[in-house]
């Protein structure tokens, strides 16, 4: 997800910010361990070690608001971690490989967060029964992050001409496949997945003489 923090974040007291963080962290663990359907305020209260579910509803109002806050918090954490690895890369080729490496490394380090995002995206529904998030948010976020790198590589001559949106979605699908290989037997290591996906990306995008 391509997200920014709510404007109210800067207006909250340190104690309120800490409490919200405590509740979000507990919600992530409950979602990862028990699934979306069992991620009730009561289970989250128990996991957070707080006295009443009213403390949760005070900060988030409804379960839907809490689930959205969980998605935003995880997405921002991932964006920041990836940016630290990619912002200093001098070429589009290096930025592309650094982004893939950073994303897969973050996923490997944060399995509970990844599972929590999946549970919300594949289960949260609007009043008409339609998925509120689904896979579209993740796809749009990857296109938003990858497409500028791909366009820059084309402009510099590092990459051949191709549709950058299609290529970004293709690389996103490859990263999703790597997640499966990292988490389900027979598992591949993070390094193995990084090597394979970055090789794929460079072969698919490189400019031919």
N, C-alpha and C. Protein backbone atom coordinates (compact mmCIF):
# COMPACT_ATOMS: atom_id res chain seq x y z
N UNK A 1 0.84 -1.20 0.00
CA UNK A 1 0.00 0.00 0.00
C UNK A 1 0.87 1.25 0.00
N UNK A 2 0.45 2.19 -0.78
CA UNK A 2 1.14 3.48 -0.79
C UNK A 2 0.40 4.38 0.18
N UNK A 3 0.95 4.60 1.34
CA UNK A 3 0.20 5.29 2.40
C UNK A 3 1.08 6.33 3.07
N UNK A 4 0.40 7.24 3.79
CA UNK A 4 1.08 8.22 4.64
C UNK A 4 0.39 8.22 5.98
N UNK A 5 1.06 8.70 7.00
CA UNK A 5 0.47 8.71 8.32
C UNK A 5 -0.62 9.77 8.41
N UNK A 6 -1.61 9.47 9.22
CA UNK A 6 -2.73 10.38 9.44
C UNK A 6 -2.22 11.69 10.03
N UNK A 7 -2.84 12.79 9.64
CA UNK A 7 -2.43 14.10 10.15
C UNK A 7 -2.57 14.17 11.67
N UNK A 8 -3.49 13.39 12.24
CA UNK A 8 -3.70 13.42 13.68
C UNK A 8 -2.53 12.82 14.45
N UNK A 9 -1.68 12.05 13.77
CA UNK A 9 -0.56 11.41 14.47
C UNK A 9 0.29 12.43 15.20
N UNK A 10 0.51 13.58 14.56
CA UNK A 10 1.35 14.60 15.18
C UNK A 10 0.69 15.32 16.32
N UNK A 11 -0.63 15.13 16.48
CA UNK A 11 -1.37 15.80 17.54
C UNK A 11 -1.58 14.91 18.76
N UNK A 12 -1.23 13.64 18.65
CA UNK A 12 -1.45 12.73 19.77
C UNK A 12 -0.33 12.87 20.79
N UNK A 13 -0.69 12.61 22.04
CA UNK A 13 0.32 12.62 23.10
C UNK A 13 1.21 11.40 22.96
N UNK A 14 2.43 11.44 23.52
CA UNK A 14 3.30 10.26 23.47
C UNK A 14 2.64 9.02 24.06
N UNK A 15 1.86 9.18 25.13
CA UNK A 15 1.22 8.02 25.75
C UNK A 15 0.15 7.44 24.83
N UNK A 16 -0.61 8.30 24.14
CA UNK A 16 -1.62 7.81 23.22
C UNK A 16 -0.98 7.11 22.03
N UNK A 17 0.12 7.67 21.53
CA UNK A 17 0.83 7.05 20.42
C UNK A 17 1.37 5.68 20.83
N UNK A 18 1.91 5.61 22.03
CA UNK A 18 2.44 4.33 22.53
C UNK A 18 1.33 3.30 22.68
N UNK A 19 0.18 3.73 23.20
CA UNK A 19 -0.94 2.81 23.38
C UNK A 19 -1.44 2.28 22.04
N UNK A 20 -1.56 3.18 21.07
CA UNK A 20 -1.98 2.74 19.74
C UNK A 20 -1.00 1.73 19.17
N UNK A 21 0.28 2.00 19.34
CA UNK A 21 1.28 1.06 18.85
C UNK A 21 1.19 -0.28 19.54
N UNK A 22 0.92 -0.28 20.83
CA UNK A 22 0.77 -1.51 21.60
C UNK A 22 -0.42 -2.33 21.08
N UNK A 23 -1.52 -1.65 20.80
CA UNK A 23 -2.72 -2.34 20.31
C UNK A 23 -2.49 -2.88 18.90
N UNK A 24 -1.86 -2.09 18.05
CA UNK A 24 -1.59 -2.54 16.69
C UNK A 24 -0.67 -3.76 16.71
N UNK A 25 0.37 -3.72 17.52
CA UNK A 25 1.30 -4.86 17.62
C UNK A 25 0.57 -6.12 18.08
N UNK A 26 -0.34 -5.97 19.04
CA UNK A 26 -1.11 -7.12 19.51
C UNK A 26 -2.04 -7.63 18.42
N UNK A 27 -2.65 -6.72 17.67
CA UNK A 27 -3.55 -7.12 16.59
C UNK A 27 -2.78 -7.90 15.52
N UNK A 28 -1.57 -7.47 15.20
CA UNK A 28 -0.75 -8.18 14.22
C UNK A 28 -0.52 -9.62 14.67
N UNK A 29 -0.18 -9.82 15.93
CA UNK A 29 0.09 -11.16 16.43
C UNK A 29 -1.17 -12.02 16.42
N UNK A 30 -2.29 -11.46 16.82
CA UNK A 30 -3.54 -12.22 16.83
C UNK A 30 -3.95 -12.59 15.41
N UNK A 31 -3.85 -11.66 14.48
CA UNK A 31 -4.17 -11.96 13.09
C UNK A 31 -3.29 -13.07 12.53
N UNK A 32 -2.00 -12.99 12.81
CA UNK A 32 -1.06 -13.98 12.29
C UNK A 32 -1.30 -15.36 12.89
N UNK A 33 -1.65 -15.40 14.17
CA UNK A 33 -1.80 -16.68 14.86
C UNK A 33 -3.20 -17.27 14.73
N UNK A 34 -4.22 -16.43 14.73
CA UNK A 34 -5.60 -16.93 14.82
C UNK A 34 -6.44 -16.64 13.59
N UNK A 35 -5.99 -15.74 12.71
CA UNK A 35 -6.75 -15.42 11.53
C UNK A 35 -7.69 -14.25 11.73
N UNK A 36 -8.19 -13.74 10.62
CA UNK A 36 -9.02 -12.54 10.64
C UNK A 36 -10.31 -12.75 11.43
N UNK A 37 -10.96 -13.87 11.21
CA UNK A 37 -12.24 -14.12 11.83
C UNK A 37 -12.19 -14.16 13.35
N UNK A 38 -11.04 -14.53 13.91
CA UNK A 38 -10.91 -14.66 15.36
C UNK A 38 -10.15 -13.48 15.98
N UNK A 39 -9.86 -12.48 15.17
CA UNK A 39 -9.14 -11.30 15.67
C UNK A 39 -10.14 -10.32 16.27
N UNK A 40 -10.72 -10.71 17.40
CA UNK A 40 -11.70 -9.88 18.09
C UNK A 40 -11.01 -8.89 19.01
N UNK A 41 -11.76 -7.87 19.42
CA UNK A 41 -11.21 -6.92 20.39
C UNK A 41 -10.79 -7.64 21.67
N UNK A 42 -11.55 -8.63 22.08
CA UNK A 42 -11.23 -9.33 23.32
C UNK A 42 -9.90 -10.09 23.20
N UNK A 43 -9.69 -10.78 22.10
CA UNK A 43 -8.42 -11.48 21.91
C UNK A 43 -7.26 -10.49 21.82
N UNK A 44 -7.48 -9.39 21.15
CA UNK A 44 -6.43 -8.38 21.03
C UNK A 44 -6.15 -7.74 22.39
N UNK A 45 -7.21 -7.51 23.16
CA UNK A 45 -7.03 -6.96 24.51
C UNK A 45 -6.16 -7.89 25.34
N UNK A 46 -6.46 -9.18 25.30
CA UNK A 46 -5.68 -10.14 26.07
C UNK A 46 -4.21 -10.14 25.64
N UNK A 47 -4.00 -10.11 24.32
CA UNK A 47 -2.62 -10.15 23.81
C UNK A 47 -1.87 -8.88 24.17
N UNK A 48 -2.57 -7.74 24.17
CA UNK A 48 -1.93 -6.46 24.50
C UNK A 48 -1.71 -6.30 25.99
N UNK A 49 -2.41 -7.09 26.80
CA UNK A 49 -2.28 -6.96 28.24
C UNK A 49 -2.90 -5.70 28.79
N UNK A 50 -4.02 -5.28 28.20
CA UNK A 50 -4.70 -4.09 28.68
C UNK A 50 -6.00 -4.49 29.37
N UNK A 51 -6.56 -3.58 30.14
CA UNK A 51 -7.64 -3.93 31.07
C UNK A 51 -9.01 -4.06 30.43
N UNK A 52 -9.26 -3.36 29.32
CA UNK A 52 -10.61 -3.33 28.77
C UNK A 52 -10.57 -3.13 27.26
N UNK A 53 -11.55 -3.72 26.58
CA UNK A 53 -11.67 -3.50 25.13
C UNK A 53 -12.05 -2.06 24.82
N UNK A 54 -12.57 -1.34 25.82
CA UNK A 54 -12.91 0.06 25.61
C UNK A 54 -11.68 0.88 25.26
N UNK A 55 -10.52 0.45 25.75
CA UNK A 55 -9.29 1.16 25.39
C UNK A 55 -9.00 1.02 23.89
N UNK A 56 -9.39 -0.11 23.32
CA UNK A 56 -9.20 -0.31 21.89
C UNK A 56 -10.17 0.57 21.11
N UNK A 57 -11.46 0.51 21.48
CA UNK A 57 -12.45 1.30 20.76
C UNK A 57 -12.24 2.80 20.96
N UNK A 58 -11.63 3.18 22.06
CA UNK A 58 -11.32 4.60 22.28
C UNK A 58 -10.33 5.09 21.23
N UNK A 59 -9.33 4.27 20.92
CA UNK A 59 -8.29 4.68 19.98
C UNK A 59 -8.67 4.43 18.53
N UNK A 60 -9.49 3.41 18.27
CA UNK A 60 -9.76 3.04 16.88
C UNK A 60 -11.24 3.05 16.50
N UNK A 61 -12.12 3.15 17.48
CA UNK A 61 -13.54 3.23 17.16
C UNK A 61 -14.14 1.88 16.82
N UNK A 62 -13.82 1.35 15.65
CA UNK A 62 -14.39 0.09 15.19
C UNK A 62 -13.27 -0.89 14.82
N UNK A 63 -13.67 -2.13 14.65
CA UNK A 63 -12.71 -3.15 14.22
C UNK A 63 -12.16 -2.82 12.84
N UNK A 64 -13.02 -2.33 11.95
CA UNK A 64 -12.55 -1.96 10.61
C UNK A 64 -11.47 -0.88 10.68
N UNK A 65 -11.66 0.09 11.57
CA UNK A 65 -10.66 1.15 11.71
C UNK A 65 -9.34 0.59 12.23
N UNK A 66 -9.42 -0.36 13.15
CA UNK A 66 -8.20 -0.98 13.66
C UNK A 66 -7.50 -1.77 12.56
N UNK A 67 -8.26 -2.52 11.77
CA UNK A 67 -7.65 -3.31 10.69
C UNK A 67 -6.96 -2.41 9.68
N UNK A 68 -7.59 -1.28 9.36
CA UNK A 68 -6.97 -0.34 8.43
C UNK A 68 -5.69 0.25 9.03
N UNK A 69 -5.72 0.55 10.33
CA UNK A 69 -4.53 1.08 11.00
C UNK A 69 -3.40 0.06 10.98
N UNK A 70 -3.74 -1.22 11.14
CA UNK A 70 -2.72 -2.27 11.07
C UNK A 70 -2.07 -2.28 9.69
N UNK A 71 -2.89 -2.24 8.64
CA UNK A 71 -2.35 -2.23 7.28
C UNK A 71 -1.44 -1.03 7.05
N UNK A 72 -1.87 0.14 7.47
CA UNK A 72 -1.08 1.35 7.28
C UNK A 72 0.24 1.27 8.03
N UNK A 73 0.19 0.81 9.27
CA UNK A 73 1.40 0.71 10.09
C UNK A 73 2.41 -0.24 9.46
N UNK A 74 1.95 -1.40 9.03
CA UNK A 74 2.84 -2.38 8.41
C UNK A 74 3.41 -1.83 7.10
N UNK A 75 2.55 -1.22 6.29
CA UNK A 75 3.00 -0.70 5.01
C UNK A 75 4.06 0.39 5.17
N UNK A 76 3.85 1.27 6.14
CA UNK A 76 4.82 2.34 6.37
C UNK A 76 6.15 1.79 6.87
N UNK A 77 6.07 0.79 7.74
CA UNK A 77 7.32 0.18 8.23
C UNK A 77 8.08 -0.47 7.08
N UNK A 78 7.36 -1.18 6.22
CA UNK A 78 8.02 -1.82 5.08
C UNK A 78 8.60 -0.78 4.13
N UNK A 79 7.83 0.27 3.83
CA UNK A 79 8.31 1.32 2.93
C UNK A 79 9.59 1.96 3.46
N UNK A 80 9.62 2.23 4.76
CA UNK A 80 10.80 2.87 5.34
C UNK A 80 12.02 1.96 5.26
N UNK A 81 11.82 0.68 5.56
CA UNK A 81 12.94 -0.27 5.52
C UNK A 81 13.48 -0.42 4.10
N UNK A 82 12.59 -0.48 3.14
CA UNK A 82 13.01 -0.63 1.74
C UNK A 82 13.70 0.65 1.26
N UNK A 83 13.16 1.81 1.63
CA UNK A 83 13.75 3.08 1.21
C UNK A 83 15.18 3.22 1.71
N UNK A 84 15.44 2.75 2.92
CA UNK A 84 16.81 2.85 3.47
C UNK A 84 17.81 2.08 2.61
N UNK A 85 17.35 1.04 1.93
CA UNK A 85 18.24 0.22 1.12
C UNK A 85 18.35 0.72 -0.31
N UNK A 86 17.38 1.50 -0.76
CA UNK A 86 17.33 1.86 -2.18
C UNK A 86 17.67 3.31 -2.47
N UNK A 87 17.45 4.21 -1.53
CA UNK A 87 17.57 5.63 -1.81
C UNK A 87 18.98 6.04 -2.25
N UNK A 88 20.00 5.37 -1.76
CA UNK A 88 21.36 5.77 -2.10
C UNK A 88 21.91 5.11 -3.35
N UNK A 89 21.15 4.21 -3.97
CA UNK A 89 21.65 3.50 -5.14
C UNK A 89 21.78 4.47 -6.32
N UNK A 90 22.95 4.53 -6.95
CA UNK A 90 23.20 5.56 -7.96
C UNK A 90 22.58 5.30 -9.32
N UNK A 91 22.28 4.05 -9.68
CA UNK A 91 21.74 3.75 -11.00
C UNK A 91 20.40 3.05 -10.85
N UNK A 92 19.64 3.05 -11.95
CA UNK A 92 18.34 2.38 -11.94
C UNK A 92 18.51 0.88 -11.74
N UNK A 93 19.54 0.31 -12.34
CA UNK A 93 19.79 -1.12 -12.17
C UNK A 93 20.04 -1.46 -10.71
N UNK A 94 20.84 -0.65 -10.05
CA UNK A 94 21.14 -0.90 -8.64
C UNK A 94 19.92 -0.65 -7.76
N UNK A 95 19.11 0.35 -8.11
CA UNK A 95 17.90 0.62 -7.33
C UNK A 95 16.90 -0.53 -7.47
N UNK A 96 16.80 -1.08 -8.68
CA UNK A 96 15.88 -2.19 -8.90
C UNK A 96 16.30 -3.42 -8.11
N UNK A 97 17.57 -3.78 -8.19
CA UNK A 97 18.01 -4.97 -7.46
C UNK A 97 17.97 -4.73 -5.95
N UNK A 98 18.29 -3.50 -5.52
CA UNK A 98 18.25 -3.20 -4.09
C UNK A 98 16.82 -3.26 -3.57
N UNK A 99 15.87 -2.80 -4.37
CA UNK A 99 14.47 -2.84 -3.93
C UNK A 99 14.00 -4.28 -3.76
N UNK A 100 14.30 -5.12 -4.74
CA UNK A 100 13.90 -6.53 -4.65
C UNK A 100 14.53 -7.19 -3.43
N UNK A 101 15.83 -6.95 -3.25
CA UNK A 101 16.52 -7.53 -2.10
C UNK A 101 15.93 -7.03 -0.79
N UNK A 102 15.68 -5.72 -0.71
CA UNK A 102 15.15 -5.15 0.54
C UNK A 102 13.75 -5.65 0.84
N UNK A 103 12.90 -5.77 -0.20
CA UNK A 103 11.54 -6.24 0.02
C UNK A 103 11.51 -7.68 0.50
N UNK A 104 12.29 -8.54 -0.15
CA UNK A 104 12.31 -9.94 0.26
C UNK A 104 12.93 -10.10 1.65
N UNK A 105 13.94 -9.30 1.96
CA UNK A 105 14.55 -9.37 3.28
C UNK A 105 13.57 -8.93 4.36
N UNK A 106 12.80 -7.87 4.08
CA UNK A 106 11.81 -7.41 5.06
C UNK A 106 10.74 -8.46 5.28
N UNK A 107 10.28 -9.06 4.21
CA UNK A 107 9.26 -10.11 4.31
C UNK A 107 9.77 -11.27 5.16
N UNK A 108 11.02 -11.67 4.92
CA UNK A 108 11.58 -12.79 5.68
C UNK A 108 11.72 -12.47 7.16
N UNK A 109 12.00 -11.20 7.49
CA UNK A 109 12.17 -10.81 8.89
C UNK A 109 10.86 -10.58 9.61
N UNK A 110 9.77 -10.41 8.86
CA UNK A 110 8.50 -10.01 9.47
C UNK A 110 7.35 -10.93 9.04
N UNK A 111 7.47 -12.22 9.32
CA UNK A 111 6.42 -13.14 8.87
C UNK A 111 5.05 -12.86 9.48
N UNK A 112 5.01 -12.43 10.74
CA UNK A 112 3.72 -12.14 11.37
C UNK A 112 3.04 -10.97 10.69
N UNK A 113 3.79 -9.93 10.36
CA UNK A 113 3.22 -8.77 9.69
C UNK A 113 2.71 -9.14 8.30
N UNK A 114 3.46 -9.96 7.59
CA UNK A 114 3.05 -10.39 6.25
C UNK A 114 1.75 -11.19 6.34
N UNK A 115 1.68 -12.10 7.32
CA UNK A 115 0.48 -12.90 7.49
C UNK A 115 -0.71 -12.02 7.89
N UNK A 116 -0.49 -11.06 8.75
CA UNK A 116 -1.56 -10.16 9.17
C UNK A 116 -2.11 -9.37 7.98
N UNK A 117 -1.22 -8.86 7.14
CA UNK A 117 -1.66 -8.14 5.94
C UNK A 117 -2.50 -9.04 5.05
N UNK A 118 -2.03 -10.26 4.87
CA UNK A 118 -2.77 -11.21 4.01
C UNK A 118 -4.16 -11.47 4.58
N UNK A 119 -4.25 -11.69 5.88
CA UNK A 119 -5.54 -11.97 6.51
C UNK A 119 -6.51 -10.82 6.31
N UNK A 120 -6.04 -9.60 6.47
CA UNK A 120 -6.92 -8.45 6.30
C UNK A 120 -7.32 -8.28 4.84
N UNK A 121 -6.34 -8.33 3.96
CA UNK A 121 -6.62 -8.08 2.54
C UNK A 121 -7.57 -9.11 1.93
N UNK A 122 -7.49 -10.35 2.40
CA UNK A 122 -8.29 -11.41 1.81
C UNK A 122 -9.58 -11.69 2.57
N UNK A 123 -9.86 -10.94 3.63
CA UNK A 123 -11.06 -11.21 4.42
C UNK A 123 -11.91 -9.98 4.74
N UNK A 124 -11.31 -8.81 4.84
CA UNK A 124 -12.08 -7.61 5.18
C UNK A 124 -13.02 -7.27 4.02
N UNK A 125 -14.30 -7.09 4.34
CA UNK A 125 -15.28 -6.86 3.29
C UNK A 125 -16.13 -5.62 3.59
N UNK A 126 -16.62 -5.00 2.52
CA UNK A 126 -17.54 -3.89 2.64
C UNK A 126 -18.94 -4.42 2.94
N UNK A 127 -19.88 -3.51 3.14
CA UNK A 127 -21.25 -3.92 3.46
C UNK A 127 -21.89 -4.74 2.35
N UNK A 128 -21.46 -4.53 1.11
CA UNK A 128 -22.04 -5.30 0.00
C UNK A 128 -21.36 -6.65 -0.20
N UNK A 129 -20.40 -6.98 0.67
CA UNK A 129 -19.73 -8.27 0.60
C UNK A 129 -18.47 -8.29 -0.23
N UNK A 130 -18.15 -7.19 -0.90
CA UNK A 130 -16.93 -7.13 -1.73
C UNK A 130 -15.71 -6.95 -0.85
N UNK A 131 -14.59 -7.54 -1.27
CA UNK A 131 -13.34 -7.36 -0.54
C UNK A 131 -12.97 -5.88 -0.50
N UNK A 132 -12.64 -5.40 0.68
CA UNK A 132 -12.28 -3.99 0.82
C UNK A 132 -10.90 -3.70 0.24
N UNK A 133 -9.99 -4.65 0.36
CA UNK A 133 -8.62 -4.43 -0.09
C UNK A 133 -8.23 -5.43 -1.18
N UNK A 134 -8.34 -6.71 -0.91
CA UNK A 134 -7.93 -7.72 -1.87
C UNK A 134 -6.46 -7.60 -2.22
N UNK A 135 -6.12 -8.00 -3.43
CA UNK A 135 -4.72 -7.93 -3.87
C UNK A 135 -4.43 -6.65 -4.64
N UNK A 136 -5.47 -5.87 -4.93
CA UNK A 136 -5.27 -4.69 -5.76
C UNK A 136 -4.38 -3.65 -5.10
N UNK A 137 -4.56 -3.46 -3.77
CA UNK A 137 -3.76 -2.46 -3.08
C UNK A 137 -2.28 -2.78 -3.16
N UNK A 138 -1.94 -4.06 -2.96
CA UNK A 138 -0.54 -4.47 -3.04
C UNK A 138 0.01 -4.28 -4.44
N UNK A 139 -0.79 -4.65 -5.44
CA UNK A 139 -0.34 -4.49 -6.83
C UNK A 139 -0.11 -3.02 -7.16
N UNK A 140 -1.03 -2.16 -6.75
CA UNK A 140 -0.89 -0.73 -7.03
C UNK A 140 0.34 -0.14 -6.34
N UNK A 141 0.60 -0.60 -5.11
CA UNK A 141 1.76 -0.10 -4.39
C UNK A 141 3.05 -0.50 -5.08
N UNK A 142 3.12 -1.74 -5.56
CA UNK A 142 4.32 -2.19 -6.24
C UNK A 142 4.53 -1.45 -7.55
N UNK A 143 3.47 -1.19 -8.28
CA UNK A 143 3.58 -0.42 -9.51
C UNK A 143 4.07 0.99 -9.20
N UNK A 144 3.51 1.58 -8.15
CA UNK A 144 3.90 2.94 -7.78
C UNK A 144 5.37 3.04 -7.41
N UNK A 145 5.92 1.98 -6.82
CA UNK A 145 7.32 2.00 -6.40
C UNK A 145 8.26 1.56 -7.52
N UNK A 146 7.85 0.57 -8.30
CA UNK A 146 8.74 0.01 -9.31
C UNK A 146 8.74 0.79 -10.62
N UNK A 147 7.58 1.27 -11.02
CA UNK A 147 7.49 1.93 -12.33
C UNK A 147 8.45 3.10 -12.49
N UNK A 148 8.60 3.99 -11.49
CA UNK A 148 9.57 5.09 -11.66
C UNK A 148 11.01 4.60 -11.85
N UNK A 149 11.37 3.52 -11.16
CA UNK A 149 12.71 2.96 -11.34
C UNK A 149 12.87 2.44 -12.77
N UNK A 150 11.84 1.75 -13.25
CA UNK A 150 11.90 1.20 -14.60
C UNK A 150 11.95 2.30 -15.65
N UNK A 151 11.16 3.36 -15.46
CA UNK A 151 11.20 4.49 -16.41
C UNK A 151 12.56 5.17 -16.40
N UNK A 152 13.13 5.33 -15.20
CA UNK A 152 14.45 5.96 -15.10
C UNK A 152 15.49 5.13 -15.83
N UNK A 153 15.39 3.81 -15.71
CA UNK A 153 16.33 2.94 -16.41
C UNK A 153 16.19 3.02 -17.91
N UNK A 154 14.98 3.19 -18.39
CA UNK A 154 14.78 3.37 -19.83
C UNK A 154 15.37 4.70 -20.30
N UNK A 155 15.16 5.74 -19.51
CA UNK A 155 15.67 7.05 -19.88
C UNK A 155 17.20 7.09 -19.89
N UNK A 156 17.82 6.33 -18.98
CA UNK A 156 19.28 6.32 -18.92
C UNK A 156 19.90 5.35 -19.91
N UNK A 157 19.07 4.53 -20.56
CA UNK A 157 19.58 3.54 -21.49
C UNK A 157 19.96 2.22 -20.85
N UNK A 158 19.78 2.09 -19.53
CA UNK A 158 20.09 0.83 -18.86
C UNK A 158 19.08 -0.27 -19.20
N UNK A 159 17.83 0.14 -19.40
CA UNK A 159 16.77 -0.82 -19.66
C UNK A 159 16.24 -0.64 -21.09
N UNK A 160 15.75 -1.74 -21.65
CA UNK A 160 15.13 -1.69 -22.97
C UNK A 160 13.74 -1.06 -22.87
N UNK A 161 13.11 -0.85 -24.01
CA UNK A 161 11.75 -0.33 -24.02
C UNK A 161 10.75 -1.44 -23.71
N UNK A 162 9.85 -1.17 -22.79
CA UNK A 162 8.75 -2.09 -22.46
C UNK A 162 7.70 -1.29 -21.71
N UNK A 163 6.54 -1.90 -21.51
CA UNK A 163 5.49 -1.25 -20.75
C UNK A 163 5.84 -1.35 -19.27
N UNK A 164 6.07 -0.22 -18.64
CA UNK A 164 6.57 -0.25 -17.26
C UNK A 164 5.53 -0.77 -16.27
N UNK A 165 4.25 -0.51 -16.53
CA UNK A 165 3.23 -1.03 -15.63
C UNK A 165 3.17 -2.55 -15.69
N UNK A 166 3.20 -3.09 -16.90
CA UNK A 166 3.18 -4.55 -17.05
C UNK A 166 4.43 -5.17 -16.43
N UNK A 167 5.59 -4.56 -16.64
CA UNK A 167 6.82 -5.11 -16.07
C UNK A 167 6.77 -5.05 -14.55
N UNK A 168 6.27 -3.95 -13.98
CA UNK A 168 6.16 -3.84 -12.53
C UNK A 168 5.25 -4.91 -11.96
N UNK A 169 4.13 -5.17 -12.62
CA UNK A 169 3.21 -6.21 -12.16
C UNK A 169 3.84 -7.60 -12.30
N UNK A 170 4.62 -7.79 -13.35
CA UNK A 170 5.30 -9.07 -13.54
C UNK A 170 6.32 -9.32 -12.43
N UNK A 171 7.08 -8.29 -12.10
CA UNK A 171 8.07 -8.44 -11.03
C UNK A 171 7.38 -8.63 -9.68
N UNK A 172 6.24 -7.96 -9.49
CA UNK A 172 5.48 -8.15 -8.27
C UNK A 172 5.02 -9.60 -8.15
N UNK A 173 4.58 -10.19 -9.25
CA UNK A 173 4.16 -11.59 -9.23
C UNK A 173 5.34 -12.51 -8.91
N UNK A 174 6.51 -12.17 -9.43
CA UNK A 174 7.70 -12.97 -9.13
C UNK A 174 8.07 -12.88 -7.66
N UNK A 175 7.94 -11.69 -7.08
CA UNK A 175 8.22 -11.52 -5.65
C UNK A 175 7.21 -12.31 -4.82
N UNK A 176 5.94 -12.29 -5.23
CA UNK A 176 4.93 -13.07 -4.53
C UNK A 176 5.26 -14.56 -4.57
N UNK A 177 5.73 -15.03 -5.73
CA UNK A 177 6.12 -16.44 -5.85
C UNK A 177 7.30 -16.76 -4.94
N UNK A 178 8.22 -15.80 -4.81
CA UNK A 178 9.36 -16.01 -3.92
C UNK A 178 8.92 -16.11 -2.46
N UNK A 179 7.89 -15.34 -2.10
CA UNK A 179 7.37 -15.42 -0.73
C UNK A 179 6.88 -16.83 -0.44
N UNK A 180 6.17 -17.42 -1.40
CA UNK A 180 5.69 -18.79 -1.22
C UNK A 180 6.86 -19.76 -1.04
N UNK A 181 7.88 -19.59 -1.84
CA UNK A 181 9.04 -20.50 -1.77
C UNK A 181 9.82 -20.32 -0.48
N UNK A 182 9.77 -19.12 0.10
CA UNK A 182 10.46 -18.89 1.37
C UNK A 182 9.70 -19.44 2.55
N UNK A 183 8.38 -19.59 2.40
CA UNK A 183 7.55 -19.91 3.56
C UNK A 183 6.96 -21.31 3.53
N UNK A 184 6.96 -21.95 2.37
CA UNK A 184 6.36 -23.29 2.27
C UNK A 184 7.40 -24.29 1.79
N UNK A 185 7.42 -25.49 2.38
CA UNK A 185 8.41 -26.48 1.98
C UNK A 185 8.15 -27.00 0.56
N UNK A 186 9.22 -27.36 -0.15
CA UNK A 186 10.63 -27.22 0.26
C UNK A 186 11.06 -25.76 0.12
N UNK A 187 11.54 -25.19 1.22
CA UNK A 187 11.81 -23.76 1.27
C UNK A 187 13.13 -23.40 0.59
N UNK A 188 13.14 -22.19 0.06
CA UNK A 188 14.38 -21.58 -0.42
C UNK A 188 14.79 -20.50 0.58
N UNK A 189 16.06 -20.24 0.68
CA UNK A 189 16.55 -19.18 1.57
C UNK A 189 16.26 -17.82 0.94
N UNK A 190 16.34 -16.79 1.77
CA UNK A 190 16.19 -15.43 1.26
C UNK A 190 17.23 -15.15 0.18
N UNK A 191 18.46 -15.53 0.44
CA UNK A 191 19.53 -15.28 -0.53
C UNK A 191 19.25 -15.96 -1.86
N UNK A 192 18.75 -17.20 -1.81
CA UNK A 192 18.42 -17.90 -3.05
C UNK A 192 17.33 -17.17 -3.82
N UNK A 193 16.30 -16.73 -3.10
CA UNK A 193 15.19 -16.03 -3.76
C UNK A 193 15.65 -14.70 -4.33
N UNK A 194 16.45 -13.97 -3.57
CA UNK A 194 16.97 -12.68 -4.06
C UNK A 194 17.78 -12.91 -5.34
N UNK A 195 18.64 -13.90 -5.33
CA UNK A 195 19.47 -14.17 -6.51
C UNK A 195 18.62 -14.49 -7.73
N UNK A 196 17.61 -15.33 -7.55
CA UNK A 196 16.78 -15.72 -8.69
C UNK A 196 15.93 -14.57 -9.21
N UNK A 197 15.32 -13.82 -8.31
CA UNK A 197 14.41 -12.75 -8.75
C UNK A 197 15.18 -11.57 -9.33
N UNK A 198 16.32 -11.23 -8.75
CA UNK A 198 17.11 -10.14 -9.33
C UNK A 198 17.68 -10.53 -10.69
N UNK A 199 18.08 -11.79 -10.83
CA UNK A 199 18.54 -12.26 -12.14
C UNK A 199 17.43 -12.17 -13.17
N UNK A 200 16.25 -12.62 -12.78
CA UNK A 200 15.08 -12.53 -13.67
C UNK A 200 14.81 -11.09 -14.06
N UNK A 201 14.84 -10.18 -13.07
CA UNK A 201 14.55 -8.78 -13.34
C UNK A 201 15.55 -8.16 -14.30
N UNK A 202 16.82 -8.46 -14.11
CA UNK A 202 17.85 -7.86 -14.96
C UNK A 202 17.81 -8.43 -16.37
N UNK A 203 17.54 -9.72 -16.49
CA UNK A 203 17.44 -10.32 -17.82
C UNK A 203 16.22 -9.78 -18.57
N UNK A 204 15.15 -9.53 -17.84
CA UNK A 204 13.90 -9.06 -18.47
C UNK A 204 13.98 -7.60 -18.87
N UNK A 205 14.80 -6.82 -18.18
CA UNK A 205 14.78 -5.36 -18.41
C UNK A 205 15.99 -4.83 -19.16
N UNK A 206 17.08 -5.59 -19.19
CA UNK A 206 18.32 -5.01 -19.69
C UNK A 206 18.24 -4.61 -21.16
N UNK A 207 18.98 -3.56 -21.47
CA UNK A 207 19.05 -3.06 -22.84
C UNK A 207 19.98 -3.94 -23.64
N UNK A 208 19.53 -4.37 -24.81
CA UNK A 208 20.38 -5.20 -25.66
C UNK A 208 21.22 -4.33 -26.57
N UNK A 209 22.48 -4.74 -26.82
CA UNK A 209 23.38 -3.93 -27.66
C UNK A 209 22.83 -3.77 -29.07
